[in-house]
Amino acid sequence: MKATKLILAACMAAGVGCSNTSATTSASTTTPSVGGELAMTTPTVLEREAPEAELPRFEADALASLPQAPWSTATLSASDAPIVATAWAGAENRGWCAPLAPEVAASARATQLDGGWMVEFDQAGAPGVTEDGEPCESCGRGSFGIAGTAMGVDEMMETPSPAFADGSAADVSEEEGVASATIAVPGQRCVYQVWSFRGEAHLQELLGTLRFVSTPRATDTQMADLVPFE
């Protein structure tokens, strides 16, 4: 397990943002509404260069017997996952880390994550963390969450191996009461992390509901769905 992976997991468990490398290029993003979609307008924010490392392409025979990736099916609209969509829209990695969101009935909060985006979900009566970052048995704050990090595959995974038929890789572990999954998806240059204080069984449920969020993004003359990014 890479040291950076341990650091990121620890920051998430404490309910605080982590710092990675500094931003390198500038860009602005404004995403108005399209039809009934969520209207999102973000201030000018830095846009970070994507990591050089990419998820390797696996042979077809290595993928044939694997389950379908949940995110390879239908997408969510921005109005279905407004906090994730808004957190992504203001992130420095938004050009190479498409928003993923679980389909859950819980209160969501965007949390600062240097270079990326992170959303925590509160669920009454569930284990989580206090505002001071201390584990709690039933406070329900930050009970589970998801992050699109600014880190590449080589920083977060020792030897990626396919876990789903689309070639996505996933490492699942449980430490100190927090179950977490580190995920790399073809076409995305970032690594995602999903975690739950409710244990590995709940984490697996979350993974099964993960969907890309179809988010409108302004271009010179038209809007485009960015799921997945090229």
C-alpha atoms as a PDB file:
ATOM      1  CA  MET A   1       0.000   0.000   0.000  1.00  0.00           C
ATOM      2  CA  LYS A   2       1.429   3.351  -1.013  1.00  0.00           C
ATOM      3  CA  ALA A   3       2.153   5.938   1.666  1.00  0.00           C
ATOM      4  CA  THR A   4       0.031   8.537  -0.153  1.00  0.00           C
ATOM      5  CA  LYS A   5      -2.920   6.152  -0.045  1.00  0.00           C
ATOM      6  CA  LEU A   6      -2.557   5.814   3.728  1.00  0.00           C
ATOM      7  CA  ILE A   7      -2.304   9.580   4.157  1.00  0.00           C
ATOM      8  CA  LEU A   8      -5.426  10.224   2.089  1.00  0.00           C
ATOM      9  CA  ALA A   9      -7.429   7.568   3.932  1.00  0.00           C
ATOM     10  CA  ALA A  10      -6.367   9.059   7.262  1.00  0.00           C
ATOM     11  CA  CYS A  11      -7.444  12.550   6.192  1.00  0.00           C
ATOM     12  CA  MET A  12     -10.822  11.255   5.083  1.00  0.00           C
ATOM     13  CA  ALA A  13     -11.302   9.385   8.334  1.00  0.00           C
ATOM     14  CA  ALA A  14     -10.611  12.610  10.205  1.00  0.00           C
ATOM     15  CA  GLY A  15     -13.045  14.569   8.019  1.00  0.00           C
ATOM     16  CA  VAL A  16     -10.440  17.030   6.724  1.00  0.00           C
ATOM     17  CA  GLY A  17      -8.952  17.862   3.331  1.00  0.00           C
ATOM     18  CA  CYS A  18      -5.519  16.705   2.221  1.00  0.00           C
ATOM     19  CA  SER A  19      -2.858  18.573   0.277  1.00  0.00           C
ATOM     20  CA  ASN A  20      -1.079  17.286  -2.817  1.00  0.00           C
ATOM     21  CA  THR A  21       0.937  19.085  -5.499  1.00  0.00           C
ATOM     22  CA  SER A  22       0.341  22.690  -6.504  1.00  0.00           C
ATOM     23  CA  ALA A  23      -1.794  23.784  -9.446  1.00  0.00           C
ATOM     24  CA  THR A  24      -0.138  24.554 -12.753  1.00  0.00           C
ATOM     25  CA  THR A  25      -2.534  26.060 -15.312  1.00  0.00           C
ATOM     26  CA  SER A  26      -5.457  28.468 -15.250  1.00  0.00           C
ATOM     27  CA  ALA A  27      -8.983  28.072 -16.571  1.00  0.00           C
ATOM     28  CA  SER A  28     -12.517  29.131 -15.769  1.00  0.00           C
ATOM     29  CA  THR A  29     -15.687  27.099 -15.866  1.00  0.00           C
ATOM     30  CA  THR A  30     -19.275  28.292 -15.995  1.00  0.00           C
ATOM     31  CA  THR A  31     -22.026  25.735 -16.282  1.00  0.00           C
ATOM     32  CA  PRO A  32     -25.503  27.213 -16.803  1.00  0.00           C
ATOM     33  CA  SER A  33     -28.671  25.162 -16.713  1.00  0.00           C
ATOM     34  CA  VAL A  34     -29.855  23.093 -19.651  1.00  0.00           C
ATOM     35  CA  GLY A  35     -33.544  22.280 -19.608  1.00  0.00           C
ATOM     36  CA  GLY A  36     -34.361  20.988 -16.132  1.00  0.00           C
ATOM     37  CA  GLU A  37     -30.730  20.401 -15.173  1.00  0.00           C
ATOM     38  CA  LEU A  38     -29.091  21.893 -12.129  1.00  0.00           C
ATOM     39  CA  ALA A  39     -27.654  25.362 -12.701  1.00  0.00           C
ATOM     40  CA  MET A  40     -24.031  25.607 -11.573  1.00  0.00           C
ATOM     41  CA  THR A  41     -21.804  28.654 -11.747  1.00  0.00           C
ATOM     42  CA  THR A  42     -18.290  28.502 -10.349  1.00  0.00           C
ATOM     43  CA  PRO A  43     -15.720  31.264  -9.916  1.00  0.00           C
ATOM     44  CA  THR A  44     -12.488  31.206 -11.852  1.00  0.00           C
ATOM     45  CA  VAL A  45     -10.494  28.313 -10.441  1.00  0.00           C
ATOM     46  CA  LEU A  46      -7.146  26.792 -11.269  1.00  0.00           C
ATOM     47  CA  GLU A  47      -7.115  23.684 -13.398  1.00  0.00           C
ATOM     48  CA  ARG A  48      -4.425  21.181 -12.517  1.00  0.00           C
ATOM     49  CA  GLU A  49      -2.475  19.118 -15.013  1.00  0.00           C
ATOM     50  CA  ALA A  50      -3.469  15.469 -15.117  1.00  0.00           C
ATOM     51  CA  PRO A  51      -1.052  12.838 -13.765  1.00  0.00           C
ATOM     52  CA  GLU A  52       1.037  11.180 -16.455  1.00  0.00           C
ATOM     53  CA  ALA A  53       0.363   7.622 -15.321  1.00  0.00           C
ATOM     54  CA  GLU A  54      -2.667   5.880 -16.805  1.00  0.00           C
ATOM     55  CA  LEU A  55      -4.539   2.739 -15.871  1.00  0.00           C
ATOM     56  CA  PRO A  56      -3.103  -0.067 -18.032  1.00  0.00           C
ATOM     57  CA  ARG A  57      -5.290  -1.720 -20.647  1.00  0.00           C
ATOM     58  CA  PHE A  58      -6.005  -5.323 -19.759  1.00  0.00           C
ATOM     59  CA  GLU A  59      -6.402  -8.225 -22.171  1.00  0.00           C
ATOM     60  CA  ALA A  60      -9.944  -9.164 -23.138  1.00  0.00           C
ATOM     61  CA  ASP A  61      -9.621 -12.687 -21.722  1.00  0.00           C
ATOM     62  CA  ALA A  62      -8.718 -11.198 -18.319  1.00  0.00           C
ATOM     63  CA  LEU A  63     -11.970  -9.190 -18.341  1.00  0.00           C
ATOM     64  CA  ALA A  64     -14.380 -11.766 -19.759  1.00  0.00           C
ATOM     65  CA  SER A  65     -15.421 -13.344 -16.440  1.00  0.00           C
ATOM     66  CA  LEU A  66     -15.536 -10.121 -14.394  1.00  0.00           C
ATOM     67  CA  PRO A  67     -18.760  -8.371 -13.317  1.00  0.00           C
ATOM     68  CA  GLN A  68     -20.052  -5.317 -15.123  1.00  0.00           C
ATOM     69  CA  ALA A  69     -18.924  -2.040 -13.595  1.00  0.00           C
ATOM     70  CA  PRO A  70     -21.866  -0.216 -11.976  1.00  0.00           C
ATOM     71  CA  TRP A  71     -20.760   3.058 -13.602  1.00  0.00           C
ATOM     72  CA  SER A  72     -20.828   1.544 -17.103  1.00  0.00           C
ATOM     73  CA  THR A  73     -24.654   1.635 -17.058  1.00  0.00           C
ATOM     74  CA  ALA A  74     -27.035   4.611 -16.935  1.00  0.00           C
ATOM     75  CA  THR A  75     -25.768   7.928 -15.576  1.00  0.00           C
ATOM     76  CA  LEU A  76     -27.255  10.240 -12.970  1.00  0.00           C
ATOM     77  CA  SER A  77     -28.324  13.770 -13.832  1.00  0.00           C
ATOM     78  CA  ALA A  78     -26.732  16.705 -12.031  1.00  0.00           C
ATOM     79  CA  SER A  79     -30.020  17.316 -10.220  1.00  0.00           C
ATOM     80  CA  ASP A  80     -29.888  13.729  -8.902  1.00  0.00           C
ATOM     81  CA  ALA A  81     -26.501  14.388  -7.270  1.00  0.00           C
ATOM     82  CA  PRO A  82     -26.290  18.174  -6.863  1.00  0.00           C
ATOM     83  CA  ILE A  83     -23.597  18.288  -4.160  1.00  0.00           C
ATOM     84  CA  VAL A  84     -21.267  15.970  -6.073  1.00  0.00           C
ATOM     85  CA  ALA A  85     -21.886  17.919  -9.287  1.00  0.00           C
ATOM     86  CA  THR A  86     -21.172  21.244  -7.597  1.00  0.00           C
ATOM     87  CA  ALA A  87     -18.060  19.945  -5.798  1.00  0.00           C
ATOM     88  CA  TRP A  88     -16.711  18.627  -9.108  1.00  0.00           C
ATOM     89  CA  ALA A  89     -17.461  21.899 -10.939  1.00  0.00           C
ATOM     90  CA  GLY A  90     -15.174  23.828  -8.573  1.00  0.00           C
ATOM     91  CA  ALA A  91     -12.342  21.275  -8.479  1.00  0.00           C
ATOM     92  CA  GLU A  92      -8.945  21.670 -10.110  1.00  0.00           C
ATOM     93  CA  ASN A  93      -9.121  18.155 -11.579  1.00  0.00           C
ATOM     94  CA  ARG A  94     -12.557  18.545 -13.193  1.00  0.00           C
ATOM     95  CA  GLY A  95     -11.104  18.174 -16.711  1.00  0.00           C
ATOM     96  CA  TRP A  96      -9.822  14.641 -16.083  1.00  0.00           C
ATOM     97  CA  CYS A  97     -11.834  13.279 -13.134  1.00  0.00           C
ATOM     98  CA  ALA A  98     -15.505  12.886 -14.028  1.00  0.00           C
ATOM     99  CA  PRO A  99     -17.947  13.035 -11.107  1.00  0.00           C
ATOM    100  CA  LEU A 100     -19.071   9.702  -9.662  1.00  0.00           C
ATOM    101  CA  ALA A 101     -21.855   9.519  -7.091  1.00  0.00           C
ATOM    102  CA  PRO A 102     -23.619   6.806  -5.115  1.00  0.00           C
ATOM    103  CA  GLU A 103     -27.406   6.573  -5.286  1.00  0.00           C
ATOM    104  CA  VAL A 104     -28.211   7.071  -1.600  1.00  0.00           C
ATOM    105  CA  ALA A 105     -30.835   8.705   0.591  1.00  0.00           C
ATOM    106  CA  ALA A 106     -28.620  10.748   2.890  1.00  0.00           C
ATOM    107  CA  SER A 107     -27.629  14.348   3.513  1.00  0.00           C
ATOM    108  CA  ALA A 108     -24.516  15.327   1.501  1.00  0.00           C
ATOM    109  CA  ARG A 109     -21.800  17.893   2.263  1.00  0.00           C
ATOM    110  CA  ALA A 110     -18.929  18.986   0.042  1.00  0.00           C
ATOM    111  CA  THR A 111     -15.569  18.888   1.858  1.00  0.00           C
ATOM    112  CA  GLN A 112     -12.351  20.541   0.746  1.00  0.00           C
ATOM    113  CA  LEU A 113      -9.795  18.254  -0.910  1.00  0.00           C
ATOM    114  CA  ASP A 114      -6.706  19.858  -2.407  1.00  0.00           C
ATOM    115  CA  GLY A 115      -6.769  19.532  -6.189  1.00  0.00           C
ATOM    116  CA  GLY A 116      -9.857  17.323  -6.243  1.00  0.00           C
ATOM    117  CA  TRP A 117     -13.388  17.036  -4.923  1.00  0.00           C
ATOM    118  CA  MET A 118     -14.865  15.213  -1.937  1.00  0.00           C
ATOM    119  CA  VAL A 119     -18.396  14.717  -0.624  1.00  0.00           C
ATOM    120  CA  GLU A 120     -19.375  13.272   2.758  1.00  0.00           C
ATOM    121  CA  PHE A 121     -22.794  11.842   3.577  1.00  0.00           C
ATOM    122  CA  ASP A 122     -24.497  12.218   6.947  1.00  0.00           C
ATOM    123  CA  GLN A 123     -26.910   9.542   8.142  1.00  0.00           C
ATOM    124  CA  ALA A 124     -28.679   9.850  11.488  1.00  0.00           C
ATOM    125  CA  GLY A 125     -27.805   7.170  14.024  1.00  0.00           C
ATOM    126  CA  ALA A 126     -24.940   5.719  11.979  1.00  0.00           C
ATOM    127  CA  PRO A 127     -21.248   5.654  12.961  1.00  0.00           C
ATOM    128  CA  GLY A 128     -19.105   8.482  11.631  1.00  0.00           C
ATOM    129  CA  VAL A 129     -16.859  11.288  12.864  1.00  0.00           C
ATOM    130  CA  THR A 130     -17.418  14.367  14.977  1.00  0.00           C
ATOM    131  CA  GLU A 131     -16.548  17.873  13.779  1.00  0.00           C
ATOM    132  CA  ASP A 132     -13.228  17.433  15.611  1.00  0.00           C
ATOM    133  CA  GLY A 133     -12.478  14.304  13.579  1.00  0.00           C
ATOM    134  CA  GLU A 134     -13.072  11.845  16.420  1.00  0.00           C
ATOM    135  CA  PRO A 135     -14.817   8.556  15.562  1.00  0.00           C
ATOM    136  CA  CYS A 136     -18.349   8.271  16.906  1.00  0.00           C
ATOM    137  CA  GLU A 137     -20.713   5.324  17.193  1.00  0.00           C
ATOM    138  CA  SER A 138     -23.958   7.026  16.276  1.00  0.00           C
ATOM    139  CA  CYS A 139     -23.461  10.743  15.515  1.00  0.00           C
ATOM    140  CA  GLY A 140     -24.066  10.054  11.821  1.00  0.00           C
ATOM    141  CA  ARG A 141     -21.724  12.797  10.617  1.00  0.00           C
ATOM    142  CA  GLY A 142     -19.561  11.803   7.634  1.00  0.00           C
ATOM    143  CA  SER A 143     -20.784   8.224   7.848  1.00  0.00           C
ATOM    144  CA  PHE A 144     -19.561   7.544   4.314  1.00  0.00           C
ATOM    145  CA  GLY A 145     -18.251   9.461   1.326  1.00  0.00           C
ATOM    146  CA  ILE A 146     -16.562   9.642  -2.051  1.00  0.00           C
ATOM    147  CA  ALA A 147     -13.636  11.611  -3.441  1.00  0.00           C
ATOM    148  CA  GLY A 148     -12.115  12.229  -6.846  1.00  0.00           C
ATOM    149  CA  THR A 149      -8.479  12.756  -5.912  1.00  0.00           C
ATOM    150  CA  ALA A 150      -5.748  14.654  -7.744  1.00  0.00           C
ATOM    151  CA  MET A 151      -3.520  11.568  -7.563  1.00  0.00           C
ATOM    152  CA  GLY A 152      -2.645   9.163 -10.347  1.00  0.00           C
ATOM    153  CA  VAL A 153      -2.732   5.379 -10.472  1.00  0.00           C
ATOM    154  CA  ASP A 154       0.990   5.056  -9.784  1.00  0.00           C
ATOM    155  CA  GLU A 155       0.612   7.064  -6.554  1.00  0.00           C
ATOM    156  CA  MET A 156      -2.341   5.123  -5.185  1.00  0.00           C
ATOM    157  CA  MET A 157      -2.059   1.537  -6.425  1.00  0.00           C
ATOM    158  CA  GLU A 158       0.931  -0.775  -6.266  1.00  0.00           C
ATOM    159  CA  THR A 159      -0.062  -3.130  -9.090  1.00  0.00           C
ATOM    160  CA  PRO A 160      -3.509  -2.378 -10.554  1.00  0.00           C
ATOM    161  CA  SER A 161      -5.478  -5.464 -11.550  1.00  0.00           C
ATOM    162  CA  PRO A 162      -8.918  -5.515 -13.189  1.00  0.00           C
ATOM    163  CA  ALA A 163     -11.958  -5.880 -10.939  1.00  0.00           C
ATOM    164  CA  PHE A 164     -14.689  -5.137 -13.491  1.00  0.00           C
ATOM    165  CA  ALA A 165     -15.379  -6.002 -17.126  1.00  0.00           C
ATOM    166  CA  ASP A 166     -14.680  -2.437 -18.294  1.00  0.00           C
ATOM    167  CA  GLY A 167     -11.085  -2.724 -17.052  1.00  0.00           C
ATOM    168  CA  SER A 168     -11.573  -0.706 -13.864  1.00  0.00           C
ATOM    169  CA  ALA A 169      -9.317  -1.595 -10.945  1.00  0.00           C
ATOM    170  CA  ALA A 170     -10.407  -1.570  -7.299  1.00  0.00           C
ATOM    171  CA  ASP A 171      -8.600  -2.217  -4.009  1.00  0.00           C
ATOM    172  CA  VAL A 172     -10.832  -2.712  -0.950  1.00  0.00           C
ATOM    173  CA  SER A 173      -9.546  -2.683   2.624  1.00  0.00           C
ATOM    174  CA  GLU A 174     -10.749  -2.057   6.169  1.00  0.00           C
ATOM    175  CA  GLU A 175      -8.639  -0.368   8.816  1.00  0.00           C
ATOM    176  CA  GLU A 176      -9.519   1.096  12.223  1.00  0.00           C
ATOM    177  CA  GLY A 177     -13.244   0.840  11.610  1.00  0.00           C
ATOM    178  CA  VAL A 178     -13.221   2.441   8.161  1.00  0.00           C
ATOM    179  CA  ALA A 179     -13.790   0.353   5.027  1.00  0.00           C
ATOM    180  CA  SER A 180     -12.400   1.984   1.890  1.00  0.00           C
ATOM    181  CA  ALA A 181     -12.104   1.310  -1.824  1.00  0.00           C
ATOM    182  CA  THR A 182      -9.499   2.831  -4.114  1.00  0.00           C
ATOM    183  CA  ILE A 183     -10.766   2.807  -7.694  1.00  0.00           C
ATOM    184  CA  ALA A 184      -9.251   3.585 -11.095  1.00  0.00           C
ATOM    185  CA  VAL A 185     -11.565   3.820 -14.122  1.00  0.00           C
ATOM    186  CA  PRO A 186     -10.523   3.690 -17.802  1.00  0.00           C
ATOM    187  CA  GLY A 187     -10.676   7.134 -19.392  1.00  0.00           C
ATOM    188  CA  GLN A 188     -10.183   8.939 -16.073  1.00  0.00           C
ATOM    189  CA  ARG A 189      -6.731  10.127 -15.045  1.00  0.00           C
ATOM    190  CA  CYS A 190      -7.585  10.396 -11.341  1.00  0.00           C
ATOM    191  CA  VAL A 191      -8.078   7.780  -8.657  1.00  0.00           C
ATOM    192  CA  TYR A 192     -11.346   7.702  -6.713  1.00  0.00           C
ATOM    193  CA  GLN A 193     -11.814   6.715  -3.091  1.00  0.00           C
ATOM    194  CA  VAL A 194     -15.049   5.576  -1.461  1.00  0.00           C
ATOM    195  CA  TRP A 195     -15.243   4.894   2.271  1.00  0.00           C
ATOM    196  CA  SER A 196     -17.731   3.912   4.945  1.00  0.00           C
ATOM    197  CA  PHE A 197     -17.700   3.842   8.732  1.00  0.00           C
ATOM    198  CA  ARG A 198     -20.527   1.305   8.513  1.00  0.00           C
ATOM    199  CA  GLY A 199     -18.207  -1.487   7.377  1.00  0.00           C
ATOM    200  CA  GLU A 200     -17.256  -3.396   4.254  1.00  0.00           C
ATOM    201  CA  ALA A 201     -20.735  -4.762   3.547  1.00  0.00           C
ATOM    202  CA  HIS A 202     -22.084  -1.214   3.351  1.00  0.00           C
ATOM    203  CA  LEU A 203     -19.093  -0.147   1.264  1.00  0.00           C
ATOM    204  CA  GLN A 204     -19.857  -2.884  -1.261  1.00  0.00           C
ATOM    205  CA  GLU A 205     -23.459  -1.650  -1.411  1.00  0.00           C
ATOM    206  CA  LEU A 206     -22.189   1.862  -2.167  1.00  0.00           C
ATOM    207  CA  LEU A 207     -19.879   0.605  -4.916  1.00  0.00           C
ATOM    208  CA  GLY A 208     -22.815  -1.165  -6.534  1.00  0.00           C
ATOM    209  CA  THR A 209     -24.725   2.125  -6.840  1.00  0.00           C
ATOM    210  CA  LEU A 210     -21.916   4.320  -8.194  1.00  0.00           C
ATOM    211  CA  ARG A 211     -22.840   6.156 -11.390  1.00  0.00           C
ATOM    212  CA  PHE A 212     -21.227   8.883 -13.448  1.00  0.00           C
ATOM    213  CA  VAL A 213     -22.989  12.219 -13.115  1.00  0.00           C
ATOM    214  CA  SER A 214     -23.915  13.733 -16.475  1.00  0.00           C
ATOM    215  CA  THR A 215     -22.868  17.335 -15.939  1.00  0.00           C
ATOM    216  CA  PRO A 216     -23.268  20.141 -18.484  1.00  0.00           C
ATOM    217  CA  ARG A 217     -20.135  22.186 -19.032  1.00  0.00           C
ATOM    218  CA  ALA A 218     -19.866  25.367 -21.071  1.00  0.00           C
ATOM    219  CA  THR A 219     -17.843  25.408 -24.279  1.00  0.00           C
ATOM    220  CA  ASP A 220     -17.446  28.217 -26.800  1.00  0.00           C
ATOM    221  CA  THR A 221     -20.774  27.554 -28.508  1.00  0.00           C
ATOM    222  CA  GLN A 222     -22.533  24.572 -26.968  1.00  0.00           C
ATOM    223  CA  MET A 223     -22.963  22.349 -23.947  1.00  0.00           C
ATOM    224  CA  ALA A 224     -21.481  18.856 -23.806  1.00  0.00           C
ATOM    225  CA  ASP A 225     -21.983  15.864 -21.550  1.00  0.00           C
ATOM    226  CA  LEU A 226     -18.707  14.911 -19.969  1.00  0.00           C
ATOM    227  CA  VAL A 227     -19.330  11.256 -19.145  1.00  0.00           C
ATOM    228  CA  PRO A 228     -16.847   9.858 -19.470  1.00  0.00           C
ATOM    229  CA  PHE A 229     -14.009  12.295 -20.215  1.00  0.00           C
ATOM    230  CA  GLU A 230     -11.770  11.511 -23.126  1.00  0.00           C
END
